[in-house]
Amino acid sequence: MKDQRLITFSHWLSVASLVALIVLCISWELWLAPMKEGGSWLALKAVLLLPMLMGVLKGRRYTYQWGSMYILIWFVEGVMRAWGDQGLSQILAGVEVALATLCFAGFAAFAWLTRPSLGNATA
């Protein structure tokens, strides 16, 4: 029973942080601090998160597994932009790093807690 609560928590942590990351990517590049005046094509990086969101919402363990490595792209981008950008963009990059870290933690926890070797623990 304890594992089921942890599985549920890690699932919703993953969903919430992934949705927040998508919203951040879109709003950052279109309105808050775009690289170019009037918006940036970098907002399309949020589209790359949508296939992962569908698998996470459905609780597919395989999505959590590959997603834990895939989300590191946004982590690295956030670190690089936090280091190289100035002003609001630097702050938003820090938020991106935090959200990507939460995503990674949720993905890794869910994949670990639902591993087949546990037997009866299912999502």
PDB file of N, CA and C in Angstrom:
ATOM      1  N   MET A   1       0.825  -1.201   0.000  1.00  0.00           N
ATOM      2  CA  MET A   1       0.000   0.000   0.000  1.00  0.00           C
ATOM      3  C   MET A   1       0.868   1.263   0.000  1.00  0.00           C
ATOM      4  N   LYS A   2       1.963   1.224   0.756  1.00  0.00           N
ATOM      5  CA  LYS A   2       2.855   2.367   0.785  1.00  0.00           C
ATOM      6  C   LYS A   2       3.434   2.634  -0.594  1.00  0.00           C
ATOM      7  N   ASP A   3       3.802   1.565  -1.309  1.00  0.00           N
ATOM      8  CA  ASP A   3       4.344   1.725  -2.653  1.00  0.00           C
ATOM      9  C   ASP A   3       3.330   2.358  -3.596  1.00  0.00           C
ATOM     10  N   GLN A   4       2.067   2.014  -3.460  1.00  0.00           N
ATOM     11  CA  GLN A   4       1.050   2.573  -4.343  1.00  0.00           C
ATOM     12  C   GLN A   4       0.934   4.086  -4.155  1.00  0.00           C
ATOM     13  N   ARG A   5       1.063   4.564  -2.933  1.00  0.00           N
ATOM     14  CA  ARG A   5       1.023   6.007  -2.696  1.00  0.00           C
ATOM     15  C   ARG A   5       2.239   6.695  -3.311  1.00  0.00           C
ATOM     16  N   LEU A   6       3.391   6.050  -3.207  1.00  0.00           N
ATOM     17  CA  LEU A   6       4.602   6.614  -3.816  1.00  0.00           C
ATOM     18  C   LEU A   6       4.514   6.615  -5.338  1.00  0.00           C
ATOM     19  N   ILE A   7       3.935   5.557  -5.889  1.00  0.00           N
ATOM     20  CA  ILE A   7       3.744   5.484  -7.343  1.00  0.00           C
ATOM     21  C   ILE A   7       2.811   6.595  -7.800  1.00  0.00           C
ATOM     22  N   THR A   8       1.717   6.776  -7.093  1.00  0.00           N
ATOM     23  CA  THR A   8       0.766   7.837  -7.426  1.00  0.00           C
ATOM     24  C   THR A   8       1.412   9.209  -7.296  1.00  0.00           C
ATOM     25  N   PHE A   9       2.174   9.409  -6.225  1.00  0.00           N
ATOM     26  CA  PHE A   9       2.856  10.687  -6.028  1.00  0.00           C
ATOM     27  C   PHE A   9       3.848  10.957  -7.154  1.00  0.00           C
ATOM     28  N   SER A  10       4.663   9.947  -7.506  1.00  0.00           N
ATOM     29  CA  SER A  10       5.657  10.153  -8.557  1.00  0.00           C
ATOM     30  C   SER A  10       4.992  10.393  -9.914  1.00  0.00           C
ATOM     31  N   HIS A  11       3.847   9.750 -10.144  1.00  0.00           N
ATOM     32  CA  HIS A  11       3.103   9.980 -11.387  1.00  0.00           C
ATOM     33  C   HIS A  11       2.638  11.432 -11.468  1.00  0.00           C
ATOM     34  N   TRP A  12       2.011  11.928 -10.419  1.00  0.00           N
ATOM     35  CA  TRP A  12       1.478  13.290 -10.465  1.00  0.00           C
ATOM     36  C   TRP A  12       2.574  14.340 -10.400  1.00  0.00           C
ATOM     37  N   LEU A  13       3.696  14.024  -9.735  1.00  0.00           N
ATOM     38  CA  LEU A  13       4.846  14.924  -9.771  1.00  0.00           C
ATOM     39  C   LEU A  13       5.354  15.050 -11.206  1.00  0.00           C
ATOM     40  N   SER A  14       5.421  13.926 -11.897  1.00  0.00           N
ATOM     41  CA  SER A  14       5.871  13.917 -13.290  1.00  0.00           C
ATOM     42  C   SER A  14       4.926  14.709 -14.184  1.00  0.00           C
ATOM     43  N   VAL A  15       3.636  14.472 -14.032  1.00  0.00           N
ATOM     44  CA  VAL A  15       2.641  15.174 -14.861  1.00  0.00           C
ATOM     45  C   VAL A  15       2.701  16.677 -14.608  1.00  0.00           C
ATOM     46  N   ALA A  16       2.684  17.064 -13.339  1.00  0.00           N
ATOM     47  CA  ALA A  16       2.664  18.494 -12.996  1.00  0.00           C
ATOM     48  C   ALA A  16       3.927  19.204 -13.480  1.00  0.00           C
ATOM     49  N   SER A  17       5.082  18.619 -13.247  1.00  0.00           N
ATOM     50  CA  SER A  17       6.324  19.280 -13.654  1.00  0.00           C
ATOM     51  C   SER A  17       6.475  19.307 -15.171  1.00  0.00           C
ATOM     52  N   LEU A  18       5.997  18.273 -15.855  1.00  0.00           N
ATOM     53  CA  LEU A  18       6.076  18.245 -17.313  1.00  0.00           C
ATOM     54  C   LEU A  18       5.140  19.283 -17.940  1.00  0.00           C
ATOM     55  N   VAL A  19       3.930  19.394 -17.436  1.00  0.00           N
ATOM     56  CA  VAL A  19       2.991  20.412 -17.932  1.00  0.00           C
ATOM     57  C   VAL A  19       3.541  21.810 -17.643  1.00  0.00           C
ATOM     58  N   ALA A  20       4.092  22.005 -16.451  1.00  0.00           N
ATOM     59  CA  ALA A  20       4.674  23.307 -16.113  1.00  0.00           C
ATOM     60  C   ALA A  20       5.850  23.629 -17.030  1.00  0.00           C
ATOM     61  N   LEU A  21       6.643  22.632 -17.375  1.00  0.00           N
ATOM     62  CA  LEU A  21       7.775  22.841 -18.275  1.00  0.00           C
ATOM     63  C   LEU A  21       7.300  23.217 -19.683  1.00  0.00           C
ATOM     64  N   ILE A  22       6.236  22.590 -20.139  1.00  0.00           N
ATOM     65  CA  ILE A  22       5.670  22.927 -21.453  1.00  0.00           C
ATOM     66  C   ILE A  22       5.163  24.372 -21.453  1.00  0.00           C
ATOM     67  N   VAL A  23       4.428  24.743 -20.422  1.00  0.00           N
ATOM     68  CA  VAL A  23       3.907  26.112 -20.313  1.00  0.00           C
ATOM     69  C   VAL A  23       5.057  27.111 -20.235  1.00  0.00           C
ATOM     70  N   LEU A  24       6.083  26.778 -19.457  1.00  0.00           N
ATOM     71  CA  LEU A  24       7.240  27.673 -19.347  1.00  0.00           C
ATOM     72  C   LEU A  24       7.927  27.863 -20.695  1.00  0.00           C
ATOM     73  N   CYS A  25       8.164  26.781 -21.410  1.00  0.00           N
ATOM     74  CA  CYS A  25       8.851  26.877 -22.703  1.00  0.00           C
ATOM     75  C   CYS A  25       8.085  27.752 -23.686  1.00  0.00           C
ATOM     76  N   ILE A  26       6.789  27.578 -23.732  1.00  0.00           N
ATOM     77  CA  ILE A  26       5.970  28.368 -24.661  1.00  0.00           C
ATOM     78  C   ILE A  26       5.935  29.839 -24.248  1.00  0.00           C
ATOM     79  N   SER A  27       5.634  30.099 -22.990  1.00  0.00           N
ATOM     80  CA  SER A  27       5.519  31.492 -22.549  1.00  0.00           C
ATOM     81  C   SER A  27       6.868  32.208 -22.558  1.00  0.00           C
ATOM     82  N   TRP A  28       7.930  31.518 -22.232  1.00  0.00           N
ATOM     83  CA  TRP A  28       9.269  32.108 -22.228  1.00  0.00           C
ATOM     84  C   TRP A  28       9.650  32.598 -23.619  1.00  0.00           C
ATOM     85  N   GLU A  29       9.473  31.752 -24.619  1.00  0.00           N
ATOM     86  CA  GLU A  29       9.949  32.071 -25.966  1.00  0.00           C
ATOM     87  C   GLU A  29       8.971  32.920 -26.785  1.00  0.00           C
ATOM     88  N   LEU A  30       7.722  32.997 -26.349  1.00  0.00           N
ATOM     89  CA  LEU A  30       6.770  33.820 -27.098  1.00  0.00           C
ATOM     90  C   LEU A  30       6.504  35.175 -26.457  1.00  0.00           C
ATOM     91  N   TRP A  31       6.487  35.246 -25.115  1.00  0.00           N
ATOM     92  CA  TRP A  31       6.081  36.494 -24.466  1.00  0.00           C
ATOM     93  C   TRP A  31       7.040  37.026 -23.411  1.00  0.00           C
ATOM     94  N   LEU A  32       7.502  36.173 -22.521  1.00  0.00           N
ATOM     95  CA  LEU A  32       8.240  36.656 -21.347  1.00  0.00           C
ATOM     96  C   LEU A  32       9.619  37.217 -21.676  1.00  0.00           C
ATOM     97  N   ALA A  33      10.448  36.426 -22.341  1.00  0.00           N
ATOM     98  CA  ALA A  33      11.805  36.879 -22.680  1.00  0.00           C
ATOM     99  C   ALA A  33      12.290  36.175 -23.940  1.00  0.00           C
ATOM    100  N   PRO A  34      11.634  36.418 -25.074  1.00  0.00           N
ATOM    101  CA  PRO A  34      12.035  35.731 -26.308  1.00  0.00           C
ATOM    102  C   PRO A  34      13.423  36.173 -26.775  1.00  0.00           C
ATOM    103  N   MET A  35      14.057  35.298 -27.532  1.00  0.00           N
ATOM    104  CA  MET A  35      15.389  35.629 -28.059  1.00  0.00           C
ATOM    105  C   MET A  35      15.312  36.745 -29.101  1.00  0.00           C
ATOM    106  N   LYS A  36      14.182  36.807 -29.827  1.00  0.00           N
ATOM    107  CA  LYS A  36      13.957  37.863 -30.809  1.00  0.00           C
ATOM    108  C   LYS A  36      12.680  38.611 -30.440  1.00  0.00           C
ATOM    109  N   GLU A  37      12.626  39.863 -30.825  1.00  0.00           N
ATOM    110  CA  GLU A  37      11.415  40.662 -30.589  1.00  0.00           C
ATOM    111  C   GLU A  37      10.228  40.040 -31.310  1.00  0.00           C
ATOM    112  N   GLY A  38       9.125  39.881 -30.619  1.00  0.00           N
ATOM    113  CA  GLY A  38       7.925  39.325 -31.225  1.00  0.00           C
ATOM    114  C   GLY A  38       7.803  37.817 -31.123  1.00  0.00           C
ATOM    115  N   GLY A  39       8.733  37.161 -30.466  1.00  0.00           N
ATOM    116  CA  GLY A  39       8.657  35.712 -30.309  1.00  0.00           C
ATOM    117  C   GLY A  39       9.790  34.994 -31.014  1.00  0.00           C
ATOM    118  N   SER A  40       9.980  33.769 -30.623  1.00  0.00           N
ATOM    119  CA  SER A  40      11.095  32.994 -31.143  1.00  0.00           C
ATOM    120  C   SER A  40      10.622  31.601 -31.545  1.00  0.00           C
ATOM    121  N   TRP A  41      11.257  31.051 -32.563  1.00  0.00           N
ATOM    122  CA  TRP A  41      10.936  29.697 -32.988  1.00  0.00           C
ATOM    123  C   TRP A  41      11.341  28.669 -31.932  1.00  0.00           C
ATOM    124  N   LEU A  42      12.109  29.075 -30.946  1.00  0.00           N
ATOM    125  CA  LEU A  42      12.500  28.153 -29.877  1.00  0.00           C
ATOM    126  C   LEU A  42      11.294  27.671 -29.065  1.00  0.00           C
ATOM    127  N   ALA A  43      10.174  28.333 -29.214  1.00  0.00           N
ATOM    128  CA  ALA A  43       8.958  27.875 -28.533  1.00  0.00           C
ATOM    129  C   ALA A  43       8.552  26.483 -29.002  1.00  0.00           C
ATOM    130  N   LEU A  44       9.007  26.105 -30.174  1.00  0.00           N
ATOM    131  CA  LEU A  44       8.678  24.769 -30.702  1.00  0.00           C
ATOM    132  C   LEU A  44       9.327  23.648 -29.897  1.00  0.00           C
ATOM    133  N   LYS A  45      10.284  23.993 -29.033  1.00  0.00           N
ATOM    134  CA  LYS A  45      10.881  22.944 -28.190  1.00  0.00           C
ATOM    135  C   LYS A  45       9.836  22.342 -27.253  1.00  0.00           C
ATOM    136  N   ALA A  46       8.774  23.060 -26.987  1.00  0.00           N
ATOM    137  CA  ALA A  46       7.692  22.524 -26.159  1.00  0.00           C
ATOM    138  C   ALA A  46       6.939  21.414 -26.884  1.00  0.00           C
ATOM    139  N   VAL A  47       6.876  21.497 -28.204  1.00  0.00           N
ATOM    140  CA  VAL A  47       6.188  20.462 -28.994  1.00  0.00           C
ATOM    141  C   VAL A  47       6.882  19.114 -28.824  1.00  0.00           C
ATOM    142  N   LEU A  48       8.196  19.141 -28.640  1.00  0.00           N
ATOM    143  CA  LEU A  48       8.949  17.901 -28.460  1.00  0.00           C
ATOM    144  C   LEU A  48       8.609  17.186 -27.150  1.00  0.00           C
ATOM    145  N   LEU A  49       7.971  17.897 -26.235  1.00  0.00           N
ATOM    146  CA  LEU A  49       7.574  17.292 -24.963  1.00  0.00           C
ATOM    147  C   LEU A  49       6.190  16.640 -25.019  1.00  0.00           C
ATOM    148  N   LEU A  50       5.410  16.947 -26.040  1.00  0.00           N
ATOM    149  CA  LEU A  50       4.034  16.447 -26.105  1.00  0.00           C
ATOM    150  C   LEU A  50       3.918  14.926 -26.227  1.00  0.00           C
ATOM    151  N   PRO A  51       4.735  14.244 -27.049  1.00  0.00           N
ATOM    152  CA  PRO A  51       4.625  12.776 -27.076  1.00  0.00           C
ATOM    153  C   PRO A  51       4.925  12.148 -25.721  1.00  0.00           C
ATOM    154  N   MET A  52       5.875  12.745 -25.014  1.00  0.00           N
ATOM    155  CA  MET A  52       6.196  12.243 -23.688  1.00  0.00           C
ATOM    156  C   MET A  52       5.034  12.480 -22.725  1.00  0.00           C
ATOM    157  N   LEU A  53       4.375  13.614 -22.837  1.00  0.00           N
ATOM    158  CA  LEU A  53       3.243  13.913 -21.971  1.00  0.00           C
ATOM    159  C   LEU A  53       2.136  12.890 -22.146  1.00  0.00           C
ATOM    160  N   MET A  54       1.879  12.490 -23.381  1.00  0.00           N
ATOM    161  CA  MET A  54       0.809  11.510 -23.618  1.00  0.00           C
ATOM    162  C   MET A  54       1.114  10.180 -22.924  1.00  0.00           C
ATOM    163  N   GLY A  55       2.353   9.712 -23.027  1.00  0.00           N
ATOM    164  CA  GLY A  55       2.729   8.463 -22.372  1.00  0.00           C
ATOM    165  C   GLY A  55       2.711   8.557 -20.867  1.00  0.00           C
ATOM    166  N   VAL A  56       3.117   9.702 -20.335  1.00  0.00           N
ATOM    167  CA  VAL A  56       3.112   9.902 -18.882  1.00  0.00           C
ATOM    168  C   VAL A  56       1.681   9.941 -18.360  1.00  0.00           C
ATOM    169  N   LEU A  57       0.797  10.634 -19.064  1.00  0.00           N
ATOM    170  CA  LEU A  57      -0.605  10.687 -18.635  1.00  0.00           C
ATOM    171  C   LEU A  57      -1.247   9.300 -18.617  1.00  0.00           C
ATOM    172  N   LYS A  58      -0.831   8.449 -19.542  1.00  0.00           N
ATOM    173  CA  LYS A  58      -1.375   7.086 -19.598  1.00  0.00           C
ATOM    174  C   LYS A  58      -0.655   6.132 -18.653  1.00  0.00           C
ATOM    175  N   GLY A  59       0.404   6.594 -17.989  1.00  0.00           N
ATOM    176  CA  GLY A  59       1.124   5.763 -17.037  1.00  0.00           C
ATOM    177  C   GLY A  59       1.961   4.665 -17.674  1.00  0.00           C
ATOM    178  N   ARG A  60       2.463   4.905 -18.862  1.00  0.00           N
ATOM    179  CA  ARG A  60       3.276   3.899 -19.561  1.00  0.00           C
ATOM    180  C   ARG A  60       4.695   3.911 -19.009  1.00  0.00           C
ATOM    181  N   ARG A  61       5.087   2.814 -18.423  1.00  0.00           N
ATOM    182  CA  ARG A  61       6.395   2.710 -17.777  1.00  0.00           C
ATOM    183  C   ARG A  61       7.530   2.978 -18.763  1.00  0.00           C
ATOM    184  N   TYR A  62       7.405   2.499 -19.967  1.00  0.00           N
ATOM    185  CA  TYR A  62       8.448   2.693 -20.970  1.00  0.00           C
ATOM    186  C   TYR A  62       8.676   4.184 -21.245  1.00  0.00           C
ATOM    187  N   THR A  63       7.622   4.976 -21.251  1.00  0.00           N
ATOM    188  CA  THR A  63       7.755   6.416 -21.455  1.00  0.00           C
ATOM    189  C   THR A  63       8.537   7.047 -20.313  1.00  0.00           C
ATOM    190  N   TYR A  64       8.270   6.595 -19.103  1.00  0.00           N
ATOM    191  CA  TYR A  64       9.015   7.109 -17.955  1.00  0.00           C
ATOM    192  C   TYR A  64      10.497   6.760 -18.077  1.00  0.00           C
ATOM    193  N   GLN A  65      10.787   5.574 -18.606  1.00  0.00           N
ATOM    194  CA  GLN A  65      12.177   5.154 -18.738  1.00  0.00           C
ATOM    195  C   GLN A  65      12.936   6.014 -19.739  1.00  0.00           C
ATOM    196  N   TRP A  66      12.421   6.138 -20.963  1.00  0.00           N
ATOM    197  CA  TRP A  66      13.146   6.944 -21.940  1.00  0.00           C
ATOM    198  C   TRP A  66      13.014   8.429 -21.637  1.00  0.00           C
ATOM    199  N   GLY A  67      11.911   8.812 -21.019  1.00  0.00           N
ATOM    200  CA  GLY A  67      11.715  10.217 -20.670  1.00  0.00           C
ATOM    201  C   GLY A  67      12.720  10.726 -19.649  1.00  0.00           C
ATOM    202  N   SER A  68      13.180   9.826 -18.775  1.00  0.00           N
ATOM    203  CA  SER A  68      14.150  10.248 -17.769  1.00  0.00           C
ATOM    204  C   SER A  68      15.473  10.680 -18.405  1.00  0.00           C
ATOM    205  N   MET A  69      15.790  10.137 -19.562  1.00  0.00           N
ATOM    206  CA  MET A  69      16.998  10.565 -20.277  1.00  0.00           C
ATOM    207  C   MET A  69      16.697  11.737 -21.216  1.00  0.00           C
ATOM    208  N   TYR A  70      15.543  11.725 -21.821  1.00  0.00           N
ATOM    209  CA  TYR A  70      15.147  12.753 -22.776  1.00  0.00           C
ATOM    210  C   TYR A  70      14.997  14.116 -22.103  1.00  0.00           C
ATOM    211  N   ILE A  71      14.513  14.134 -20.866  1.00  0.00           N
ATOM    212  CA  ILE A  71      14.274  15.394 -20.166  1.00  0.00           C
ATOM    213  C   ILE A  71      15.580  16.110 -19.852  1.00  0.00           C
ATOM    214  N   LEU A  72      16.684  15.379 -19.889  1.00  0.00           N
ATOM    215  CA  LEU A  72      17.979  15.994 -19.599  1.00  0.00           C
ATOM    216  C   LEU A  72      18.370  17.035 -20.655  1.00  0.00           C
ATOM    217  N   ILE A  73      17.772  16.962 -21.836  1.00  0.00           N
ATOM    218  CA  ILE A  73      18.016  17.997 -22.859  1.00  0.00           C
ATOM    219  C   ILE A  73      17.568  19.358 -22.335  1.00  0.00           C
ATOM    220  N   TRP A  74      16.403  19.405 -21.694  1.00  0.00           N
ATOM    221  CA  TRP A  74      15.891  20.666 -21.153  1.00  0.00           C
ATOM    222  C   TRP A  74      16.699  21.092 -19.937  1.00  0.00           C
ATOM    223  N   PHE A  75      17.190  20.143 -19.178  1.00  0.00           N
ATOM    224  CA  PHE A  75      18.052  20.455 -18.039  1.00  0.00           C
ATOM    225  C   PHE A  75      19.327  21.150 -18.538  1.00  0.00           C
ATOM    226  N   VAL A  76      19.969  20.567 -19.540  1.00  0.00           N
ATOM    227  CA  VAL A  76      21.209  21.124 -20.074  1.00  0.00           C
ATOM    228  C   VAL A  76      20.967  22.490 -20.703  1.00  0.00           C
ATOM    229  N   GLU A  77      19.860  22.626 -21.442  1.00  0.00           N
ATOM    230  CA  GLU A  77      19.555  23.925 -22.042  1.00  0.00           C
ATOM    231  C   GLU A  77      19.367  24.979 -20.954  1.00  0.00           C
ATOM    232  N   GLY A  78      18.668  24.610 -19.885  1.00  0.00           N
ATOM    233  CA  GLY A  78      18.460  25.548 -18.783  1.00  0.00           C
ATOM    234  C   GLY A  78      19.760  25.951 -18.101  1.00  0.00           C
ATOM    235  N   VAL A  79      20.648  24.993 -17.897  1.00  0.00           N
ATOM    236  CA  VAL A  79      21.942  25.300 -17.278  1.00  0.00           C
ATOM    237  C   VAL A  79      22.738  26.248 -18.168  1.00  0.00           C
ATOM    238  N   MET A  80      22.784  25.956 -19.457  1.00  0.00           N
ATOM    239  CA  MET A  80      23.556  26.801 -20.369  1.00  0.00           C
ATOM    240  C   MET A  80      22.975  28.217 -20.472  1.00  0.00           C
ATOM    241  N   ARG A  81      21.660  28.316 -20.500  1.00  0.00           N
ATOM    242  CA  ARG A  81      21.052  29.651 -20.611  1.00  0.00           C
ATOM    243  C   ARG A  81      21.107  30.408 -19.289  1.00  0.00           C
ATOM    244  N   ALA A  82      21.077  29.694 -18.175  1.00  0.00           N
ATOM    245  CA  ALA A  82      21.249  30.358 -16.871  1.00  0.00           C
ATOM    246  C   ALA A  82      22.661  30.924 -16.754  1.00  0.00           C
ATOM    247  N   TRP A  83      23.604  30.248 -17.357  1.00  0.00           N
ATOM    248  CA  TRP A  83      24.992  30.687 -17.330  1.00  0.00           C
ATOM    249  C   TRP A  83      25.249  31.821 -18.318  1.00  0.00           C
ATOM    250  N   GLY A  84      24.616  31.778 -19.481  1.00  0.00           N
ATOM    251  CA  GLY A  84      24.936  32.721 -20.543  1.00  0.00           C
ATOM    252  C   GLY A  84      23.980  33.879 -20.734  1.00  0.00           C
ATOM    253  N   ASP A  85      22.737  33.751 -20.302  1.00  0.00           N
ATOM    254  CA  ASP A  85      21.751  34.815 -20.497  1.00  0.00           C
ATOM    255  C   ASP A  85      21.803  35.831 -19.359  1.00  0.00           C
ATOM    256  N   GLN A  86      21.058  36.897 -19.540  1.00  0.00           N
ATOM    257  CA  GLN A  86      20.972  37.957 -18.538  1.00  0.00           C
ATOM    258  C   GLN A  86      19.519  38.256 -18.212  1.00  0.00           C
ATOM    259  N   GLY A  87      19.257  38.799 -17.052  1.00  0.00           N
ATOM    260  CA  GLY A  87      17.935  39.284 -16.676  1.00  0.00           C
ATOM    261  C   GLY A  87      16.890  38.202 -16.496  1.00  0.00           C
ATOM    262  N   LEU A  88      15.685  38.478 -16.994  1.00  0.00           N
ATOM    263  CA  LEU A  88      14.558  37.567 -16.822  1.00  0.00           C
ATOM    264  C   LEU A  88      14.827  36.208 -17.461  1.00  0.00           C
ATOM    265  N   SER A  89      15.494  36.200 -18.586  1.00  0.00           N
ATOM    266  CA  SER A  89      15.798  34.939 -19.256  1.00  0.00           C
ATOM    267  C   SER A  89      16.660  34.036 -18.381  1.00  0.00           C
ATOM    268  N   GLN A  90      17.560  34.624 -17.625  1.00  0.00           N
ATOM    269  CA  GLN A  90      18.405  33.852 -16.714  1.00  0.00           C
ATOM    270  C   GLN A  90      17.578  33.233 -15.586  1.00  0.00           C
ATOM    271  N   ILE A  91      16.622  33.972 -15.089  1.00  0.00           N
ATOM    272  CA  ILE A  91      15.736  33.457 -14.034  1.00  0.00           C
ATOM    273  C   ILE A  91      14.855  32.339 -14.580  1.00  0.00           C
ATOM    274  N   LEU A  92      14.304  32.541 -15.764  1.00  0.00           N
ATOM    275  CA  LEU A  92      13.474  31.511 -16.384  1.00  0.00           C
ATOM    276  C   LEU A  92      14.277  30.245 -16.658  1.00  0.00           C
ATOM    277  N   ALA A  93      15.537  30.399 -16.994  1.00  0.00           N
ATOM    278  CA  ALA A  93      16.402  29.234 -17.202  1.00  0.00           C
ATOM    279  C   ALA A  93      16.586  28.471 -15.899  1.00  0.00           C
ATOM    280  N   GLY A  94      16.692  29.177 -14.796  1.00  0.00           N
ATOM    281  CA  GLY A  94      16.769  28.517 -13.493  1.00  0.00           C
ATOM    282  C   GLY A  94      15.507  27.746 -13.165  1.00  0.00           C
ATOM    283  N   VAL A  95      14.365  28.320 -13.519  1.00  0.00           N
ATOM    284  CA  VAL A  95      13.090  27.625 -13.324  1.00  0.00           C
ATOM    285  C   VAL A  95      13.034  26.380 -14.210  1.00  0.00           C
ATOM    286  N   GLU A  96      13.537  26.492 -15.443  1.00  0.00           N
ATOM    287  CA  GLU A  96      13.572  25.344 -16.339  1.00  0.00           C
ATOM    288  C   GLU A  96      14.428  24.219 -15.749  1.00  0.00           C
ATOM    289  N   VAL A  97      15.552  24.570 -15.166  1.00  0.00           N
ATOM    290  CA  VAL A  97      16.415  23.571 -14.520  1.00  0.00           C
ATOM    291  C   VAL A  97      15.672  22.893 -13.377  1.00  0.00           C
ATOM    292  N   ALA A  98      14.985  23.681 -12.556  1.00  0.00           N
ATOM    293  CA  ALA A  98      14.246  23.114 -11.430  1.00  0.00           C
ATOM    294  C   ALA A  98      13.133  22.178 -11.902  1.00  0.00           C
ATOM    295  N   LEU A  99      12.380  22.588 -12.922  1.00  0.00           N
ATOM    296  CA  LEU A  99      11.288  21.749 -13.436  1.00  0.00           C
ATOM    297  C   LEU A  99      11.813  20.478 -14.092  1.00  0.00           C
ATOM    298  N   ALA A 100      12.910  20.592 -14.830  1.00  0.00           N
ATOM    299  CA  ALA A 100      13.501  19.401 -15.445  1.00  0.00           C
ATOM    300  C   ALA A 100      14.020  18.442 -14.377  1.00  0.00           C
ATOM    301  N   THR A 101      14.547  18.972 -13.300  1.00  0.00           N
ATOM    302  CA  THR A 101      15.008  18.133 -12.192  1.00  0.00           C
ATOM    303  C   THR A 101      13.843  17.420 -11.526  1.00  0.00           C
ATOM    304  N   LEU A 102      12.746  18.133 -11.296  1.00  0.00           N
ATOM    305  CA  LEU A 102      11.554  17.495 -10.725  1.00  0.00           C
ATOM    306  C   LEU A 102      11.000  16.424 -11.658  1.00  0.00           C
ATOM    307  N   CYS A 103      10.989  16.713 -12.954  1.00  0.00           N
ATOM    308  CA  CYS A 103      10.550  15.730 -13.945  1.00  0.00           C
ATOM    309  C   CYS A 103      11.413  14.478 -13.856  1.00  0.00           C
ATOM    310  N   PHE A 104      12.712  14.678 -13.868  1.00  0.00           N
ATOM    311  CA  PHE A 104      13.628  13.546 -13.812  1.00  0.00           C
ATOM    312  C   PHE A 104      13.395  12.720 -12.553  1.00  0.00           C
ATOM    313  N   ALA A 105      13.252  13.377 -11.416  1.00  0.00           N
ATOM    314  CA  ALA A 105      13.031  12.659 -10.159  1.00  0.00           C
ATOM    315  C   ALA A 105      11.724  11.868 -10.202  1.00  0.00           C
ATOM    316  N   GLY A 106      10.662  12.483 -10.716  1.00  0.00           N
ATOM    317  CA  GLY A 106       9.384  11.784 -10.827  1.00  0.00           C
ATOM    318  C   GLY A 106       9.448  10.610 -11.786  1.00  0.00           C
ATOM    319  N   PHE A 107      10.102  10.809 -12.919  1.00  0.00           N
ATOM    320  CA  PHE A 107      10.241   9.728 -13.901  1.00  0.00           C
ATOM    321  C   PHE A 107      11.041   8.565 -13.335  1.00  0.00           C
ATOM    322  N   ALA A 108      12.172   8.875 -12.719  1.00  0.00           N
ATOM    323  CA  ALA A 108      13.030   7.825 -12.179  1.00  0.00           C
ATOM    324  C   ALA A 108      12.329   7.069 -11.048  1.00  0.00           C
ATOM    325  N   ALA A 109      11.636   7.793 -10.190  1.00  0.00           N
ATOM    326  CA  ALA A 109      10.926   7.141  -9.088  1.00  0.00           C
ATOM    327  C   ALA A 109       9.822   6.228  -9.611  1.00  0.00           C
ATOM    328  N   PHE A 110       9.050   6.705 -10.572  1.00  0.00           N
ATOM    329  CA  PHE A 110       7.965   5.886 -11.119  1.00  0.00           C
ATOM    330  C   PHE A 110       8.525   4.634 -11.791  1.00  0.00           C
ATOM    331  N   ALA A 111       9.560   4.788 -12.589  1.00  0.00           N
ATOM    332  CA  ALA A 111      10.154   3.640 -13.274  1.00  0.00           C
ATOM    333  C   ALA A 111      10.714   2.641 -12.263  1.00  0.00           C
ATOM    334  N   TRP A 112      11.320   3.135 -11.207  1.00  0.00           N
ATOM    335  CA  TRP A 112      11.889   2.257 -10.177  1.00  0.00           C
ATOM    336  C   TRP A 112      10.788   1.534  -9.397  1.00  0.00           C
ATOM    337  N   LEU A 113       9.766   2.255  -9.023  1.00  0.00           N
ATOM    338  CA  LEU A 113       8.707   1.670  -8.186  1.00  0.00           C
ATOM    339  C   LEU A 113       7.805   0.701  -8.946  1.00  0.00           C
ATOM    340  N   THR A 114       7.774   0.802 -10.258  1.00  0.00           N
ATOM    341  CA  THR A 114       6.911  -0.084 -11.047  1.00  0.00           C
ATOM    342  C   THR A 114       7.724  -1.147 -11.791  1.00  0.00           C
ATOM    343  N   ARG A 115       8.947  -1.361 -11.409  1.00  0.00           N
ATOM    344  CA  ARG A 115       9.775  -2.361 -12.093  1.00  0.00           C
ATOM    345  C   ARG A 115       9.164  -3.756 -11.927  1.00  0.00           C
ATOM    346  N   PRO A 116       9.268  -4.574 -12.949  1.00  0.00           N
ATOM    347  CA  PRO A 116       8.647  -5.908 -12.928  1.00  0.00           C
ATOM    348  C   PRO A 116       9.162  -6.813 -11.806  1.00  0.00           C
ATOM    349  N   SER A 117      10.379  -6.615 -11.349  1.00  0.00           N
ATOM    350  CA  SER A 117      10.931  -7.485 -10.318  1.00  0.00           C
ATOM    351  C   SER A 117      10.216  -7.331  -8.969  1.00  0.00           C
ATOM    352  N   LEU A 118       9.417  -6.269  -8.814  1.00  0.00           N
ATOM    353  CA  LEU A 118       8.662  -6.091  -7.570  1.00  0.00           C
ATOM    354  C   LEU A 118       7.458  -7.013  -7.496  1.00  0.00           C
ATOM    355  N   GLY A 119       7.033  -7.522  -8.621  1.00  0.00           N
ATOM    356  CA  GLY A 119       5.920  -8.467  -8.638  1.00  0.00           C
ATOM    357  C   GLY A 119       4.564  -7.816  -8.619  1.00  0.00           C
ATOM    358  N   ASN A 120       4.042  -7.482  -7.441  1.00  0.00           N
ATOM    359  CA  ASN A 120       2.655  -7.021  -7.345  1.00  0.00           C
ATOM    360  C   ASN A 120       2.489  -5.515  -7.374  1.00  0.00           C
ATOM    361  N   ALA A 121       3.541  -4.734  -7.370  1.00  0.00           N
ATOM    362  CA  ALA A 121       3.405  -3.274  -7.411  1.00  0.00           C
ATOM    363  C   ALA A 121       3.175  -2.846  -8.850  1.00  0.00           C
ATOM    364  N   THR A 122       1.977  -2.395  -9.152  1.00  0.00           N
ATOM    365  CA  THR A 122       1.637  -1.927 -10.495  1.00  0.00           C
ATOM    366  C   THR A 122       1.104  -0.511 -10.431  1.00  0.00           C
ATOM    367  N   ALA A 123       1.185   0.153 -11.543  1.00  0.00           N
ATOM    368  CA  ALA A 123       0.711   1.544 -11.600  1.00  0.00           C
ATOM    369  C   ALA A 123      -0.782   1.613 -11.679  1.00  0.00           C
TER     370      ALA A 123
END
